[in-house]
Amino acid sequence: MVLASIAVLILKTAFSIVLIALTARFLAQIARANTYNPLAQTVLKITNPFLLPLRRIIPGFAGLDIAALVCIWIGQF
């Protein structure tokens, strides 16, 4: 029972970190942040495994990464 609640807490935390990273990536694209920044590189490495499969299906629009928005939206449910 205790082990299950610990596992749920760890999964929720990891999932929240990924959602925050996806949001940061989308906001950095809007702000035209420098991608050579070490923090930006970390966000890119965290989010690429989630976004690359979606980008094959969902194209960008007007310089915005719509796949990131869809991934955030799906993750919230």
C-alpha atoms as a PDB file:
ATOM      1  CA  MET A   1       0.000   0.000   0.000  1.00  0.00           C
ATOM      2  CA  VAL A   2       2.733   2.458   0.950  1.00  0.00           C
ATOM      3  CA  LEU A   3       4.886   1.406  -1.990  1.00  0.00           C
ATOM      4  CA  ALA A   4       2.005   2.010  -4.383  1.00  0.00           C
ATOM      5  CA  SER A   5       1.429   5.522  -3.073  1.00  0.00           C
ATOM      6  CA  ILE A   6       5.148   6.282  -3.406  1.00  0.00           C
ATOM      7  CA  ALA A   7       5.123   5.046  -7.004  1.00  0.00           C
ATOM      8  CA  VAL A   8       2.084   7.190  -7.793  1.00  0.00           C
ATOM      9  CA  LEU A   9       3.777  10.244  -6.285  1.00  0.00           C
ATOM     10  CA  ILE A  10       6.931   9.665  -8.341  1.00  0.00           C
ATOM     11  CA  LEU A  11       4.935   9.231 -11.559  1.00  0.00           C
ATOM     12  CA  LYS A  12       2.872  12.356 -10.906  1.00  0.00           C
ATOM     13  CA  THR A  13       6.015  14.367 -10.243  1.00  0.00           C
ATOM     14  CA  ALA A  14       7.750  13.132 -13.389  1.00  0.00           C
ATOM     15  CA  PHE A  15       4.650  13.829 -15.449  1.00  0.00           C
ATOM     16  CA  SER A  16       4.389  17.344 -14.018  1.00  0.00           C
ATOM     17  CA  ILE A  17       8.037  18.043 -14.847  1.00  0.00           C
ATOM     18  CA  VAL A  18       7.468  16.986 -18.453  1.00  0.00           C
ATOM     19  CA  LEU A  19       4.369  19.191 -18.737  1.00  0.00           C
ATOM     20  CA  ILE A  20       6.266  22.166 -17.320  1.00  0.00           C
ATOM     21  CA  ALA A  21       9.112  21.529 -19.775  1.00  0.00           C
ATOM     22  CA  LEU A  22       6.649  21.366 -22.689  1.00  0.00           C
ATOM     23  CA  THR A  23       5.097  24.651 -21.613  1.00  0.00           C
ATOM     24  CA  ALA A  24       8.536  26.237 -21.239  1.00  0.00           C
ATOM     25  CA  ARG A  25       9.465  25.051 -24.712  1.00  0.00           C
ATOM     26  CA  PHE A  26       6.347  26.548 -26.264  1.00  0.00           C
ATOM     27  CA  LEU A  27       6.813  29.856 -24.429  1.00  0.00           C
ATOM     28  CA  ALA A  28      10.497  29.970 -25.420  1.00  0.00           C
ATOM     29  CA  GLN A  29       9.494  29.576 -29.063  1.00  0.00           C
ATOM     30  CA  ILE A  30       7.079  32.482 -28.743  1.00  0.00           C
ATOM     31  CA  ALA A  31       9.788  34.624 -27.110  1.00  0.00           C
ATOM     32  CA  ARG A  32      12.359  33.527 -29.715  1.00  0.00           C
ATOM     33  CA  ALA A  33      14.775  32.414 -27.007  1.00  0.00           C
ATOM     34  CA  ASN A  34      18.319  31.406 -27.877  1.00  0.00           C
ATOM     35  CA  THR A  35      18.453  27.632 -28.314  1.00  0.00           C
ATOM     36  CA  TYR A  36      22.171  27.496 -27.488  1.00  0.00           C
ATOM     37  CA  ASN A  37      21.465  28.362 -23.862  1.00  0.00           C
ATOM     38  CA  PRO A  38      22.209  25.352 -21.591  1.00  0.00           C
ATOM     39  CA  LEU A  39      18.796  25.607 -19.933  1.00  0.00           C
ATOM     40  CA  ALA A  40      17.092  25.686 -23.324  1.00  0.00           C
ATOM     41  CA  GLN A  41      19.129  22.656 -24.413  1.00  0.00           C
ATOM     42  CA  THR A  42      17.931  20.767 -21.334  1.00  0.00           C
ATOM     43  CA  VAL A  43      14.305  21.597 -22.111  1.00  0.00           C
ATOM     44  CA  LEU A  44      14.799  20.512 -25.727  1.00  0.00           C
ATOM     45  CA  LYS A  45      16.320  17.177 -24.660  1.00  0.00           C
ATOM     46  CA  ILE A  46      13.502  16.492 -22.200  1.00  0.00           C
ATOM     47  CA  THR A  47      10.705  17.292 -24.653  1.00  0.00           C
ATOM     48  CA  ASN A  48      12.043  15.893 -27.940  1.00  0.00           C
ATOM     49  CA  PRO A  49      10.985  12.259 -27.291  1.00  0.00           C
ATOM     50  CA  PHE A  50       7.400  13.425 -26.772  1.00  0.00           C
ATOM     51  CA  LEU A  51       7.222  15.901 -29.641  1.00  0.00           C
ATOM     52  CA  LEU A  52       9.048  14.175 -32.486  1.00  0.00           C
ATOM     53  CA  PRO A  53       6.333  11.536 -33.097  1.00  0.00           C
ATOM     54  CA  LEU A  54       3.600  14.192 -32.910  1.00  0.00           C
ATOM     55  CA  ARG A  55       5.386  16.480 -35.364  1.00  0.00           C
ATOM     56  CA  ARG A  56       5.042  13.849 -38.064  1.00  0.00           C
ATOM     57  CA  ILE A  57       1.263  14.142 -37.724  1.00  0.00           C
ATOM     58  CA  ILE A  58       0.719  17.748 -36.608  1.00  0.00           C
ATOM     59  CA  PRO A  59       2.513  20.492 -38.550  1.00  0.00           C
ATOM     60  CA  GLY A  60       3.514  23.858 -37.149  1.00  0.00           C
ATOM     61  CA  PHE A  61       1.528  26.992 -37.898  1.00  0.00           C
ATOM     62  CA  ALA A  62       2.886  30.558 -38.216  1.00  0.00           C
ATOM     63  CA  GLY A  63       6.157  29.648 -36.504  1.00  0.00           C
ATOM     64  CA  LEU A  64       4.417  28.069 -33.530  1.00  0.00           C
ATOM     65  CA  ASP A  65       4.814  24.456 -32.494  1.00  0.00           C
ATOM     66  CA  ILE A  66       1.233  23.203 -32.489  1.00  0.00           C
ATOM     67  CA  ALA A  67       2.449  19.692 -31.581  1.00  0.00           C
ATOM     68  CA  ALA A  68       3.668  21.047 -28.228  1.00  0.00           C
ATOM     69  CA  LEU A  69       0.257  22.582 -27.546  1.00  0.00           C
ATOM     70  CA  VAL A  70      -1.501  19.330 -28.411  1.00  0.00           C
ATOM     71  CA  CYS A  71       0.895  17.369 -26.202  1.00  0.00           C
ATOM     72  CA  ILE A  72       0.249  19.765 -23.290  1.00  0.00           C
ATOM     73  CA  TRP A  73      -3.490  19.543 -23.864  1.00  0.00           C
ATOM     74  CA  ILE A  74      -3.413  15.727 -23.953  1.00  0.00           C
ATOM     75  CA  GLY A  75      -1.183  15.644 -20.887  1.00  0.00           C
ATOM     76  CA  GLN A  76      -3.622  17.708 -18.877  1.00  0.00           C
ATOM     77  CA  PHE A  77      -6.297  15.064 -19.348  1.00  0.00           C
END
